[in-house]
């Protein structure tokens, strides 16, 4: 696994040293990463807080630079392979990717890096002076797209991954089910 992804990158796969028996694996110059084994439960819990309909059926295994998480889905199994879900905190959407874990890494990330990890947008972010996020960070939307934020570089900032997901989950819980176009005057975040 990962052979095609590594080949496409021409050896540009960044790995840091061992951490708790795992290696942090970062691909596409930082646009995609695999979660450390010891963090999978925590990242899955963050995703379930934002997308409670997937409780008891997903396991998050990786993330994009924009904070999107990728998960295997126990409710969608094809040919013995759990299919992939893309969970987007900035849009509030969960998108089905009709492949299993191995095919996701060997095919989808290689052939569809823009669709899967917004790789061209990542390159534009980097060209404008933005840094690749660290393992505990993502580049999140200042104003989420589901609240009318713009999908452009001026609406992005580096933020803590857990905080981004926690805030997105709280807001999504409040706005889900509201009619489209509902005006919101004030949003507050409290401890």
C-alpha atoms as a PDB file:
ATOM      1  CA  UNK A   1       0.000   0.000   0.000  1.00  0.00           C
ATOM      2  CA  UNK A   2       1.055   3.647  -0.557  1.00  0.00           C
ATOM      3  CA  UNK A   3       3.405   2.575  -3.409  1.00  0.00           C
ATOM      4  CA  UNK A   4       1.590   4.580  -6.097  1.00  0.00           C
ATOM      5  CA  UNK A   5       1.218   7.564  -3.786  1.00  0.00           C
ATOM      6  CA  UNK A   6       4.932   7.516  -2.992  1.00  0.00           C
ATOM      7  CA  UNK A   7       5.827   7.033  -6.667  1.00  0.00           C
ATOM      8  CA  UNK A   8       3.674   9.998  -7.735  1.00  0.00           C
ATOM      9  CA  UNK A   9       5.392  12.192  -5.186  1.00  0.00           C
ATOM     10  CA  UNK A  10       8.821  11.200  -6.444  1.00  0.00           C
ATOM     11  CA  UNK A  11      10.002  10.262  -2.982  1.00  0.00           C
ATOM     12  CA  UNK A  12       8.581  13.430  -1.440  1.00  0.00           C
ATOM     13  CA  UNK A  13       6.959  11.653   1.483  1.00  0.00           C
ATOM     14  CA  UNK A  14       7.742  13.342   4.764  1.00  0.00           C
ATOM     15  CA  UNK A  15       7.965  11.212   7.896  1.00  0.00           C
ATOM     16  CA  UNK A  16       9.042  12.244  11.315  1.00  0.00           C
ATOM     17  CA  UNK A  17      10.565   9.892  13.818  1.00  0.00           C
ATOM     18  CA  UNK A  18       8.729   7.196  15.722  1.00  0.00           C
ATOM     19  CA  UNK A  19       6.061   8.377  18.135  1.00  0.00           C
ATOM     20  CA  UNK A  20       4.638   5.755  20.430  1.00  0.00           C
ATOM     21  CA  UNK A  21       5.523   2.934  18.039  1.00  0.00           C
ATOM     22  CA  UNK A  22       3.950   4.743  15.072  1.00  0.00           C
ATOM     23  CA  UNK A  23       5.343   7.011  12.435  1.00  0.00           C
ATOM     24  CA  UNK A  24       3.561  10.195  11.516  1.00  0.00           C
ATOM     25  CA  UNK A  25       2.909   9.866   7.793  1.00  0.00           C
ATOM     26  CA  UNK A  26       2.448  13.025   5.788  1.00  0.00           C
ATOM     27  CA  UNK A  27       1.811  12.981   2.039  1.00  0.00           C
ATOM     28  CA  UNK A  28       1.319  15.526  -0.755  1.00  0.00           C
ATOM     29  CA  UNK A  29       3.737  17.976   0.897  1.00  0.00           C
ATOM     30  CA  UNK A  30       1.463  18.229   3.932  1.00  0.00           C
ATOM     31  CA  UNK A  31      -1.949  18.277   2.234  1.00  0.00           C
ATOM     32  CA  UNK A  32      -2.817  14.798   3.616  1.00  0.00           C
ATOM     33  CA  UNK A  33      -1.779  12.863   6.678  1.00  0.00           C
ATOM     34  CA  UNK A  34      -2.569   9.637   8.443  1.00  0.00           C
ATOM     35  CA  UNK A  35      -3.594   9.825  12.094  1.00  0.00           C
ATOM     36  CA  UNK A  36      -1.326   8.211  14.653  1.00  0.00           C
ATOM     37  CA  UNK A  37      -2.829   4.982  15.994  1.00  0.00           C
ATOM     38  CA  UNK A  38      -3.059   6.376  19.509  1.00  0.00           C
ATOM     39  CA  UNK A  39      -5.077   9.387  18.242  1.00  0.00           C
ATOM     40  CA  UNK A  40      -7.686   7.549  16.151  1.00  0.00           C
ATOM     41  CA  UNK A  41     -10.274   7.342  18.972  1.00  0.00           C
ATOM     42  CA  UNK A  42      -9.935  11.041  19.809  1.00  0.00           C
ATOM     43  CA  UNK A  43     -10.222  12.160  16.180  1.00  0.00           C
ATOM     44  CA  UNK A  44     -13.180   9.823  15.612  1.00  0.00           C
ATOM     45  CA  UNK A  45     -14.939  11.298  18.670  1.00  0.00           C
ATOM     46  CA  UNK A  46     -14.461  14.814  17.275  1.00  0.00           C
ATOM     47  CA  UNK A  47     -16.021  13.721  13.977  1.00  0.00           C
ATOM     48  CA  UNK A  48     -18.969  12.039  15.690  1.00  0.00           C
ATOM     49  CA  UNK A  49     -19.655  15.211  17.713  1.00  0.00           C
ATOM     50  CA  UNK A  50     -20.016  17.106  14.426  1.00  0.00           C
ATOM     51  CA  UNK A  51     -21.732  14.267  12.536  1.00  0.00           C
ATOM     52  CA  UNK A  52     -23.708  12.289  15.155  1.00  0.00           C
ATOM     53  CA  UNK A  53     -25.493  10.244  12.479  1.00  0.00           C
ATOM     54  CA  UNK A  54     -22.223   8.296  12.067  1.00  0.00           C
ATOM     55  CA  UNK A  55     -21.841   7.291  15.706  1.00  0.00           C
ATOM     56  CA  UNK A  56     -20.859   3.628  16.097  1.00  0.00           C
ATOM     57  CA  UNK A  57     -20.098   3.242  12.403  1.00  0.00           C
ATOM     58  CA  UNK A  58     -16.951   5.247  11.520  1.00  0.00           C
ATOM     59  CA  UNK A  59     -13.249   5.150  12.325  1.00  0.00           C
ATOM     60  CA  UNK A  60     -11.240   8.211  11.285  1.00  0.00           C
ATOM     61  CA  UNK A  61      -7.799   7.373   9.882  1.00  0.00           C
ATOM     62  CA  UNK A  62      -6.530  10.562   8.239  1.00  0.00           C
ATOM     63  CA  UNK A  63      -7.047  14.243   7.568  1.00  0.00           C
ATOM     64  CA  UNK A  64      -6.481  16.875   4.935  1.00  0.00           C
ATOM     65  CA  UNK A  65      -4.776  20.202   5.468  1.00  0.00           C
ATOM     66  CA  UNK A  66      -8.252  21.848   5.542  1.00  0.00           C
ATOM     67  CA  UNK A  67      -9.192  19.767   8.579  1.00  0.00           C
ATOM     68  CA  UNK A  68     -11.386  17.333   6.666  1.00  0.00           C
ATOM     69  CA  UNK A  69     -11.275  13.846   8.126  1.00  0.00           C
ATOM     70  CA  UNK A  70     -11.355  10.565   6.263  1.00  0.00           C
ATOM     71  CA  UNK A  71     -13.065   7.581   7.871  1.00  0.00           C
ATOM     72  CA  UNK A  72     -13.927   4.002   7.112  1.00  0.00           C
ATOM     73  CA  UNK A  73     -17.673   3.371   7.250  1.00  0.00           C
ATOM     74  CA  UNK A  74     -18.998   0.157   8.812  1.00  0.00           C
ATOM     75  CA  UNK A  75     -22.400   0.709   7.160  1.00  0.00           C
ATOM     76  CA  UNK A  76     -20.963   0.714   3.639  1.00  0.00           C
ATOM     77  CA  UNK A  77     -19.027  -2.462   2.871  1.00  0.00           C
ATOM     78  CA  UNK A  78     -18.359  -3.518  -0.714  1.00  0.00           C
ATOM     79  CA  UNK A  79     -16.440  -6.688  -1.511  1.00  0.00           C
ATOM     80  CA  UNK A  80     -15.348  -6.926   2.120  1.00  0.00           C
ATOM     81  CA  UNK A  81     -13.907  -3.378   2.136  1.00  0.00           C
ATOM     82  CA  UNK A  82     -15.331  -0.640   4.335  1.00  0.00           C
ATOM     83  CA  UNK A  83     -15.913   2.357   2.089  1.00  0.00           C
ATOM     84  CA  UNK A  84     -14.554   5.825   2.832  1.00  0.00           C
ATOM     85  CA  UNK A  85     -16.350   8.921   4.120  1.00  0.00           C
ATOM     86  CA  UNK A  86     -14.978  12.444   3.752  1.00  0.00           C
ATOM     87  CA  UNK A  87     -16.166  14.571   6.695  1.00  0.00           C
ATOM     88  CA  UNK A  88     -15.880  18.323   6.091  1.00  0.00           C
ATOM     89  CA  UNK A  89     -16.195  20.599   9.136  1.00  0.00           C
ATOM     90  CA  UNK A  90     -16.026  23.767   7.004  1.00  0.00           C
ATOM     91  CA  UNK A  91     -19.027  22.840   4.866  1.00  0.00           C
ATOM     92  CA  UNK A  92     -20.833  20.591   7.326  1.00  0.00           C
ATOM     93  CA  UNK A  93     -21.021  17.854   4.696  1.00  0.00           C
ATOM     94  CA  UNK A  94     -20.202  14.162   4.705  1.00  0.00           C
ATOM     95  CA  UNK A  95     -19.311  12.804   1.274  1.00  0.00           C
ATOM     96  CA  UNK A  96     -19.151   9.151   0.292  1.00  0.00           C
ATOM     97  CA  UNK A  97     -16.030   7.989  -1.533  1.00  0.00           C
ATOM     98  CA  UNK A  98     -16.837   4.628  -3.134  1.00  0.00           C
ATOM     99  CA  UNK A  99     -13.520   2.856  -2.460  1.00  0.00           C
ATOM    100  CA  UNK A 100     -11.886   0.975   0.393  1.00  0.00           C
ATOM    101  CA  UNK A 101      -8.839   2.016   2.443  1.00  0.00           C
ATOM    102  CA  UNK A 102      -6.172   0.561   0.125  1.00  0.00           C
ATOM    103  CA  UNK A 103      -7.759   1.825  -3.086  1.00  0.00           C
ATOM    104  CA  UNK A 104      -8.207   5.240  -1.477  1.00  0.00           C
ATOM    105  CA  UNK A 105      -4.452   5.521  -0.920  1.00  0.00           C
ATOM    106  CA  UNK A 106      -3.268   3.749  -4.056  1.00  0.00           C
ATOM    107  CA  UNK A 107      -5.752   5.308  -6.472  1.00  0.00           C
ATOM    108  CA  UNK A 108      -7.957   8.158  -5.229  1.00  0.00           C
ATOM    109  CA  UNK A 109      -5.216  10.239  -3.585  1.00  0.00           C
ATOM    110  CA  UNK A 110      -2.967   9.706  -6.596  1.00  0.00           C
ATOM    111  CA  UNK A 111      -5.491  10.335  -9.383  1.00  0.00           C
ATOM    112  CA  UNK A 112      -7.913  12.682  -7.603  1.00  0.00           C
ATOM    113  CA  UNK A 113      -5.693  14.685  -5.224  1.00  0.00           C
ATOM    114  CA  UNK A 114      -7.631  17.888  -5.940  1.00  0.00           C
ATOM    115  CA  UNK A 115     -11.041  16.342  -5.290  1.00  0.00           C
ATOM    116  CA  UNK A 116      -9.878  14.416  -2.227  1.00  0.00           C
ATOM    117  CA  UNK A 117      -7.385  16.783  -0.568  1.00  0.00           C
ATOM    118  CA  UNK A 118      -7.850  20.126  -2.376  1.00  0.00           C
ATOM    119  CA  UNK A 119      -4.224  19.858  -3.484  1.00  0.00           C
ATOM    120  CA  UNK A 120      -4.300  22.797  -5.943  1.00  0.00           C
ATOM    121  CA  UNK A 121      -5.902  24.997  -3.264  1.00  0.00           C
ATOM    122  CA  UNK A 122      -3.170  23.828  -0.862  1.00  0.00           C
ATOM    123  CA  UNK A 123      -0.509  24.839  -3.397  1.00  0.00           C
ATOM    124  CA  UNK A 124      -2.160  28.259  -3.778  1.00  0.00           C
ATOM    125  CA  UNK A 125      -2.156  28.631   0.039  1.00  0.00           C
ATOM    126  CA  UNK A 126       1.539  27.764   0.139  1.00  0.00           C
ATOM    127  CA  UNK A 127       2.378  30.084  -2.799  1.00  0.00           C
ATOM    128  CA  UNK A 128       0.657  32.933  -0.929  1.00  0.00           C
ATOM    129  CA  UNK A 129       2.979  32.351   2.047  1.00  0.00           C
ATOM    130  CA  UNK A 130       0.853  29.929   4.062  1.00  0.00           C
ATOM    131  CA  UNK A 131       2.568  27.115   5.910  1.00  0.00           C
ATOM    132  CA  UNK A 132       1.684  23.456   5.872  1.00  0.00           C
ATOM    133  CA  UNK A 133      -0.088  22.696   9.146  1.00  0.00           C
ATOM    134  CA  UNK A 134       1.632  20.696  11.864  1.00  0.00           C
ATOM    135  CA  UNK A 135       0.148  17.370  12.997  1.00  0.00           C
ATOM    136  CA  UNK A 136      -2.098  19.030  15.608  1.00  0.00           C
ATOM    137  CA  UNK A 137      -3.213  21.824  13.270  1.00  0.00           C
ATOM    138  CA  UNK A 138      -5.257  22.424  10.164  1.00  0.00           C
ATOM    139  CA  UNK A 139      -5.952  25.369   7.911  1.00  0.00           C
ATOM    140  CA  UNK A 140      -9.550  26.180   8.732  1.00  0.00           C
ATOM    141  CA  UNK A 141     -12.145  28.606   7.510  1.00  0.00           C
ATOM    142  CA  UNK A 142     -12.433  31.747   9.644  1.00  0.00           C
ATOM    143  CA  UNK A 143     -16.103  31.834   8.688  1.00  0.00           C
ATOM    144  CA  UNK A 144     -17.375  28.342   7.811  1.00  0.00           C
ATOM    145  CA  UNK A 145     -18.784  27.913   4.347  1.00  0.00           C
ATOM    146  CA  UNK A 146     -22.045  26.675   5.846  1.00  0.00           C
ATOM    147  CA  UNK A 147     -22.406  30.139   7.448  1.00  0.00           C
ATOM    148  CA  UNK A 148     -21.769  31.995   4.197  1.00  0.00           C
ATOM    149  CA  UNK A 149     -17.966  32.163   4.367  1.00  0.00           C
ATOM    150  CA  UNK A 150     -16.027  32.478   1.125  1.00  0.00           C
ATOM    151  CA  UNK A 151     -14.047  29.570  -0.268  1.00  0.00           C
ATOM    152  CA  UNK A 152     -10.884  31.589  -0.857  1.00  0.00           C
ATOM    153  CA  UNK A 153      -7.472  32.167   0.703  1.00  0.00           C
ATOM    154  CA  UNK A 154      -8.543  35.297   2.607  1.00  0.00           C
ATOM    155  CA  UNK A 155     -10.960  33.168   4.670  1.00  0.00           C
ATOM    156  CA  UNK A 156      -8.286  30.687   5.822  1.00  0.00           C
ATOM    157  CA  UNK A 157      -6.091  30.545   8.916  1.00  0.00           C
ATOM    158  CA  UNK A 158      -3.946  27.977  10.693  1.00  0.00           C
ATOM    159  CA  UNK A 159      -5.748  26.727  13.769  1.00  0.00           C
ATOM    160  CA  UNK A 160      -5.666  23.914  16.310  1.00  0.00           C
ATOM    161  CA  UNK A 161      -7.268  20.805  14.783  1.00  0.00           C
ATOM    162  CA  UNK A 162      -9.226  19.794  17.909  1.00  0.00           C
ATOM    163  CA  UNK A 163     -10.487  23.339  18.527  1.00  0.00           C
ATOM    164  CA  UNK A 164     -11.580  23.719  14.889  1.00  0.00           C
ATOM    165  CA  UNK A 165     -13.569  20.495  15.024  1.00  0.00           C
ATOM    166  CA  UNK A 166     -15.060  21.281  18.449  1.00  0.00           C
ATOM    167  CA  UNK A 167     -16.281  24.713  17.359  1.00  0.00           C
ATOM    168  CA  UNK A 168     -17.607  23.367  14.054  1.00  0.00           C
ATOM    169  CA  UNK A 169     -19.496  20.630  15.928  1.00  0.00           C
ATOM    170  CA  UNK A 170     -21.127  23.128  18.294  1.00  0.00           C
ATOM    171  CA  UNK A 171     -22.205  25.410  15.459  1.00  0.00           C
ATOM    172  CA  UNK A 172     -23.417  22.546  13.270  1.00  0.00           C
ATOM    173  CA  UNK A 173     -25.571  21.236  16.140  1.00  0.00           C
ATOM    174  CA  UNK A 174     -27.293  24.625  16.310  1.00  0.00           C
ATOM    175  CA  UNK A 175     -27.819  25.266  12.590  1.00  0.00           C
ATOM    176  CA  UNK A 176     -28.768  21.817  11.305  1.00  0.00           C
ATOM    177  CA  UNK A 177     -32.395  21.718  10.347  1.00  0.00           C
ATOM    178  CA  UNK A 178     -32.761  25.479   9.904  1.00  0.00           C
ATOM    179  CA  UNK A 179     -34.326  26.511   6.609  1.00  0.00           C
ATOM    180  CA  UNK A 180     -31.860  27.554   3.915  1.00  0.00           C
ATOM    181  CA  UNK A 181     -31.176  31.274   4.014  1.00  0.00           C
ATOM    182  CA  UNK A 182     -32.010  31.660   7.710  1.00  0.00           C
ATOM    183  CA  UNK A 183     -30.355  34.841   8.964  1.00  0.00           C
ATOM    184  CA  UNK A 184     -28.123  34.525  11.997  1.00  0.00           C
ATOM    185  CA  UNK A 185     -27.306  37.666  13.937  1.00  0.00           C
ATOM    186  CA  UNK A 186     -24.907  36.478  16.556  1.00  0.00           C
ATOM    187  CA  UNK A 187     -22.866  33.394  17.305  1.00  0.00           C
ATOM    188  CA  UNK A 188     -21.210  33.002  20.674  1.00  0.00           C
ATOM    189  CA  UNK A 189     -18.747  30.425  21.880  1.00  0.00           C
ATOM    190  CA  UNK A 190     -18.570  29.691  25.589  1.00  0.00           C
ATOM    191  CA  UNK A 191     -16.516  27.329  27.716  1.00  0.00           C
END
